[in-house]
C-alpha atoms as a PDB file:
ATOM      1  CA  UNK A   1      25.753 -55.609  89.158  1.00  0.00           C
ATOM      2  CA  UNK A   2      26.770 -59.069  87.716  1.00  0.00           C
ATOM      3  CA  UNK A   3      28.593 -59.529  84.548  1.00  0.00           C
ATOM      4  CA  UNK A   4      25.711 -61.509  83.387  1.00  0.00           C
ATOM      5  CA  UNK A   5      24.535 -58.151  82.867  1.00  0.00           C
ATOM      6  CA  UNK A   6      26.754 -56.581  81.555  1.00  0.00           C
ATOM      7  CA  UNK A   7      27.394 -59.251  78.712  1.00  0.00           C
ATOM      8  CA  UNK A   8      23.853 -59.584  77.815  1.00  0.00           C
ATOM      9  CA  UNK A   9      24.199 -55.369  77.087  1.00  0.00           C
ATOM     10  CA  UNK A  10      27.134 -56.123  74.796  1.00  0.00           C
ATOM     11  CA  UNK A  11      24.837 -59.236  73.301  1.00  0.00           C
ATOM     12  CA  UNK A  12      21.894 -56.720  72.818  1.00  0.00           C
ATOM     13  CA  UNK A  13      23.777 -53.606  71.453  1.00  0.00           C
ATOM     14  CA  UNK A  14      25.731 -55.902  68.891  1.00  0.00           C
ATOM     15  CA  UNK A  15      22.799 -57.619  67.833  1.00  0.00           C
ATOM     16  CA  UNK A  16      20.487 -54.294  67.093  1.00  0.00           C
ATOM     17  CA  UNK A  17      23.334 -52.334  65.622  1.00  0.00           C
ATOM     18  CA  UNK A  18      21.784 -49.379  65.103  1.00  0.00           C
ATOM     19  CA  UNK A  19      20.782 -46.880  67.887  1.00  0.00           C
ATOM     20  CA  UNK A  20      20.015 -43.309  68.422  1.00  0.00           C
ATOM     21  CA  UNK A  21      22.655 -40.897  69.321  1.00  0.00           C
ATOM     22  CA  UNK A  22      21.886 -37.729  72.062  1.00  0.00           C
ATOM     23  CA  UNK A  23      23.852 -35.269  72.493  1.00  0.00           C
ATOM     24  CA  UNK A  24      23.758 -31.916  73.789  1.00  0.00           C
ATOM     25  CA  UNK A  25      24.094 -28.433  71.982  1.00  0.00           C
ATOM     26  CA  UNK A  26      23.537 -25.942  74.700  1.00  0.00           C
ATOM     27  CA  UNK A  27      20.366 -26.564  76.335  1.00  0.00           C
ATOM     28  CA  UNK A  28      18.395 -28.727  73.789  1.00  0.00           C
ATOM     29  CA  UNK A  29      19.607 -32.359  73.188  1.00  0.00           C
ATOM     30  CA  UNK A  30      19.859 -33.656  69.606  1.00  0.00           C
ATOM     31  CA  UNK A  31      19.285 -37.666  68.578  1.00  0.00           C
ATOM     32  CA  UNK A  32      20.308 -39.111  65.397  1.00  0.00           C
ATOM     33  CA  UNK A  33      20.064 -42.394  63.828  1.00  0.00           C
ATOM     34  CA  UNK A  34      23.907 -43.947  63.451  1.00  0.00           C
ATOM     35  CA  UNK A  35      25.238 -47.060  63.232  1.00  0.00           C
ATOM     36  CA  UNK A  36      27.048 -48.565  65.865  1.00  0.00           C
ATOM     37  CA  UNK A  37      30.082 -50.792  65.711  1.00  0.00           C
ATOM     38  CA  UNK A  38      30.442 -52.548  69.454  1.00  0.00           C
ATOM     39  CA  UNK A  39      33.296 -53.540  70.715  1.00  0.00           C
ATOM     40  CA  UNK A  40      33.806 -55.129  73.539  1.00  0.00           C
ATOM     41  CA  UNK A  41      37.344 -56.071  74.092  1.00  0.00           C
ATOM     42  CA  UNK A  42      37.879 -52.085  73.658  1.00  0.00           C
ATOM     43  CA  UNK A  43      35.165 -51.165  75.781  1.00  0.00           C
ATOM     44  CA  UNK A  44      34.343 -48.852  72.915  1.00  0.00           C
ATOM     45  CA  UNK A  45      31.058 -48.413  70.799  1.00  0.00           C
ATOM     46  CA  UNK A  46      32.683 -46.936  67.455  1.00  0.00           C
ATOM     47  CA  UNK A  47      30.778 -44.873  64.288  1.00  0.00           C
ATOM     48  CA  UNK A  48      31.818 -43.383  61.510  1.00  0.00           C
ATOM     49  CA  UNK A  49      30.983 -39.665  61.376  1.00  0.00           C
ATOM     50  CA  UNK A  50      31.389 -37.040  59.258  1.00  0.00           C
ATOM     51  CA  UNK A  51      34.485 -33.887  60.467  1.00  0.00           C
ATOM     52  CA  UNK A  52      31.680 -30.909  59.145  1.00  0.00           C
ATOM     53  CA  UNK A  53      28.907 -32.444  61.102  1.00  0.00           C
ATOM     54  CA  UNK A  54      27.052 -30.467  63.741  1.00  0.00           C
ATOM     55  CA  UNK A  55      27.446 -33.231  66.255  1.00  0.00           C
ATOM     56  CA  UNK A  56      31.019 -33.138  66.785  1.00  0.00           C
ATOM     57  CA  UNK A  57      30.859 -29.673  67.589  1.00  0.00           C
ATOM     58  CA  UNK A  58      28.430 -30.744  70.222  1.00  0.00           C
ATOM     59  CA  UNK A  59      30.527 -33.290  71.347  1.00  0.00           C
ATOM     60  CA  UNK A  60      33.685 -31.538  71.621  1.00  0.00           C
ATOM     61  CA  UNK A  61      31.824 -29.001  74.402  1.00  0.00           C
ATOM     62  CA  UNK A  62      29.654 -31.884  75.646  1.00  0.00           C
ATOM     63  CA  UNK A  63      31.209 -35.522  75.796  1.00  0.00           C
ATOM     64  CA  UNK A  64      28.430 -36.551  77.800  1.00  0.00           C
ATOM     65  CA  UNK A  65      26.205 -38.742  75.304  1.00  0.00           C
ATOM     66  CA  UNK A  66      23.175 -41.263  75.227  1.00  0.00           C
ATOM     67  CA  UNK A  67      22.498 -44.117  72.948  1.00  0.00           C
ATOM     68  CA  UNK A  68      19.294 -45.746  72.939  1.00  0.00           C
ATOM     69  CA  UNK A  69      18.467 -48.914  70.665  1.00  0.00           C
ATOM     70  CA  UNK A  70      15.726 -50.861  70.371  1.00  0.00           C
ATOM     71  CA  UNK A  71      14.535 -53.621  68.915  1.00  0.00           C
ATOM     72  CA  UNK A  72      10.543 -53.230  68.731  1.00  0.00           C
ATOM     73  CA  UNK A  73       9.893 -56.570  67.152  1.00  0.00           C
ATOM     74  CA  UNK A  74      12.166 -59.073  69.413  1.00  0.00           C
ATOM     75  CA  UNK A  75      10.462 -55.864  72.474  1.00  0.00           C
ATOM     76  CA  UNK A  76      14.262 -55.494  73.330  1.00  0.00           C
ATOM     77  CA  UNK A  77      15.765 -52.147  74.788  1.00  0.00           C
ATOM     78  CA  UNK A  78      19.447 -50.953  75.849  1.00  0.00           C
ATOM     79  CA  UNK A  79      19.899 -47.367  76.702  1.00  0.00           C
ATOM     80  CA  UNK A  80      23.459 -46.837  77.242  1.00  0.00           C
ATOM     81  CA  UNK A  81      25.454 -43.432  78.265  1.00  0.00           C
ATOM     82  CA  UNK A  82      28.817 -42.903  78.250  1.00  0.00           C
ATOM     83  CA  UNK A  83      31.539 -40.341  77.215  1.00  0.00           C
ATOM     84  CA  UNK A  84      31.986 -39.562  73.341  1.00  0.00           C
ATOM     85  CA  UNK A  85      35.148 -38.426  71.882  1.00  0.00           C
ATOM     86  CA  UNK A  86      35.973 -37.671  67.701  1.00  0.00           C
ATOM     87  CA  UNK A  87      39.162 -39.062  66.598  1.00  0.00           C
ATOM     88  CA  UNK A  88      41.026 -39.219  62.961  1.00  0.00           C
ATOM     89  CA  UNK A  89      41.794 -42.863  63.154  1.00  0.00           C
ATOM     90  CA  UNK A  90      42.873 -43.801  59.487  1.00  0.00           C
ATOM     91  CA  UNK A  91      43.512 -46.798  60.466  1.00  0.00           C
ATOM     92  CA  UNK A  92      39.976 -47.832  62.291  1.00  0.00           C
ATOM     93  CA  UNK A  93      38.219 -45.743  59.509  1.00  0.00           C
ATOM     94  CA  UNK A  94      39.898 -48.287  57.226  1.00  0.00           C
ATOM     95  CA  UNK A  95      38.390 -51.335  59.928  1.00  0.00           C
ATOM     96  CA  UNK A  96      35.167 -49.843  60.216  1.00  0.00           C
ATOM     97  CA  UNK A  97      34.762 -49.150  56.341  1.00  0.00           C
ATOM     98  CA  UNK A  98      31.346 -50.547  54.754  1.00  0.00           C
ATOM     99  CA  UNK A  99      29.426 -50.820  51.530  1.00  0.00           C
ATOM    100  CA  UNK A 100      26.814 -48.722  53.691  1.00  0.00           C
ATOM    101  CA  UNK A 101      29.318 -45.881  54.009  1.00  0.00           C
ATOM    102  CA  UNK A 102      29.708 -45.782  50.771  1.00  0.00           C
ATOM    103  CA  UNK A 103      26.662 -43.289  50.512  1.00  0.00           C
ATOM    104  CA  UNK A 104      28.256 -40.703  52.825  1.00  0.00           C
ATOM    105  CA  UNK A 105      31.949 -40.664  51.745  1.00  0.00           C
ATOM    106  CA  UNK A 106      33.807 -41.357  48.366  1.00  0.00           C
ATOM    107  CA  UNK A 107      36.143 -44.246  50.215  1.00  0.00           C
ATOM    108  CA  UNK A 108      37.760 -44.697  53.463  1.00  0.00           C
ATOM    109  CA  UNK A 109      40.398 -42.189  52.166  1.00  0.00           C
ATOM    110  CA  UNK A 110      38.183 -39.471  52.661  1.00  0.00           C
ATOM    111  CA  UNK A 111      39.419 -36.642  54.565  1.00  0.00           C
ATOM    112  CA  UNK A 112      36.387 -35.871  56.118  1.00  0.00           C
ATOM    113  CA  UNK A 113      35.736 -39.127  57.630  1.00  0.00           C
ATOM    114  CA  UNK A 114      35.831 -39.050  61.519  1.00  0.00           C
ATOM    115  CA  UNK A 115      35.379 -42.036  64.184  1.00  0.00           C
ATOM    116  CA  UNK A 116      33.490 -40.946  66.846  1.00  0.00           C
ATOM    117  CA  UNK A 117      34.183 -43.815  70.463  1.00  0.00           C
ATOM    118  CA  UNK A 118      31.612 -43.812  72.870  1.00  0.00           C
ATOM    119  CA  UNK A 119      33.098 -45.478  76.394  1.00  0.00           C
ATOM    120  CA  UNK A 120      30.112 -46.870  78.049  1.00  0.00           C
ATOM    121  CA  UNK A 121      29.436 -45.547  81.590  1.00  0.00           C
ATOM    122  CA  UNK A 122      25.883 -47.478  82.116  1.00  0.00           C
ATOM    123  CA  UNK A 123      23.279 -49.117  80.835  1.00  0.00           C
ATOM    124  CA  UNK A 124      19.762 -50.064  81.157  1.00  0.00           C
ATOM    125  CA  UNK A 125      18.049 -52.682  79.708  1.00  0.00           C
ATOM    126  CA  UNK A 126      14.517 -54.224  78.848  1.00  0.00           C
ATOM    127  CA  UNK A 127      14.617 -57.816  77.433  1.00  0.00           C
ATOM    128  CA  UNK A 128      10.857 -59.028  76.765  1.00  0.00           C
ATOM    129  CA  UNK A 129      10.394 -62.276  75.730  1.00  0.00           C
ATOM    130  CA  UNK A 130       8.657 -60.945  72.444  1.00  0.00           C
ATOM    131  CA  UNK A 131       5.845 -58.829  70.828  1.00  0.00           C
ATOM    132  CA  UNK A 132       3.212 -62.340  70.891  1.00  0.00           C
ATOM    133  CA  UNK A 133       4.045 -63.395  74.440  1.00  0.00           C
ATOM    134  CA  UNK A 134       4.031 -59.668  75.743  1.00  0.00           C
ATOM    135  CA  UNK A 135       0.926 -59.655  74.320  1.00  0.00           C
ATOM    136  CA  UNK A 136      -0.636 -62.448  75.751  1.00  0.00           C
ATOM    137  CA  UNK A 137       1.320 -62.001  79.192  1.00  0.00           C
ATOM    138  CA  UNK A 138      -0.565 -58.548  79.124  1.00  0.00           C
ATOM    139  CA  UNK A 139      -3.721 -59.733  78.054  1.00  0.00           C
ATOM    140  CA  UNK A 140      -3.381 -62.680  81.146  1.00  0.00           C
ATOM    141  CA  UNK A 141      -2.802 -59.604  83.324  1.00  0.00           C
ATOM    142  CA  UNK A 142      -5.299 -57.787  82.454  1.00  0.00           C
ATOM    143  CA  UNK A 143      -8.002 -60.707  83.072  1.00  0.00           C
ATOM    144  CA  UNK A 144      -6.171 -61.728  86.613  1.00  0.00           C
ATOM    145  CA  UNK A 145      -5.332 -57.906  87.925  1.00  0.00           C
ATOM    146  CA  UNK A 146      -2.015 -59.336  88.264  1.00  0.00           C
ATOM    147  CA  UNK A 147       1.230 -57.978  86.642  1.00  0.00           C
ATOM    148  CA  UNK A 148       2.733 -59.385  84.027  1.00  0.00           C
ATOM    149  CA  UNK A 149       6.444 -60.739  83.566  1.00  0.00           C
ATOM    150  CA  UNK A 150       7.643 -58.965  81.067  1.00  0.00           C
ATOM    151  CA  UNK A 151      11.140 -60.176  80.555  1.00  0.00           C
ATOM    152  CA  UNK A 152      14.408 -58.901  82.662  1.00  0.00           C
ATOM    153  CA  UNK A 153      15.185 -55.567  83.366  1.00  0.00           C
ATOM    154  CA  UNK A 154      18.293 -54.157  84.955  1.00  0.00           C
ATOM    155  CA  UNK A 155      20.620 -51.358  85.021  1.00  0.00           C
ATOM    156  CA  UNK A 156      24.571 -51.797  84.761  1.00  0.00           C
ATOM    157  CA  UNK A 157      27.667 -50.459  85.767  1.00  0.00           C
ATOM    158  CA  UNK A 158      30.079 -50.893  82.289  1.00  0.00           C
END
């Protein structure tokens, strides 16, 4: 694993911002879109969540989660596995509070807000040169019967 790959994963997830958070409910896997707040210095990705949500119960029972980031316009993707925990960290809630959070809660002092912290374990990324360049490469490969170079892909231990 190259530290450049780890740096690249952090850069990609910071830039994309939103992800699908997948957790387990018994034998089923549930995913939902979440606004992610990456903090490389803390080796963590934070989310604001509601204390009354089902995902909190799912994470308490099965803390291993997956995060899927997608920038379809730029053809950039990250799949990240990690361990989640629910925190009632009022300072972190204040730090993460944004105007968008106002759609879900009255304010950062709302007693129903919790912090969902994911500590990354590993990740895999796909970073292509973009939609137009990818299409051109695929067409050229189809004509020449060669495999297209679709950009970088790496598995990374976080």
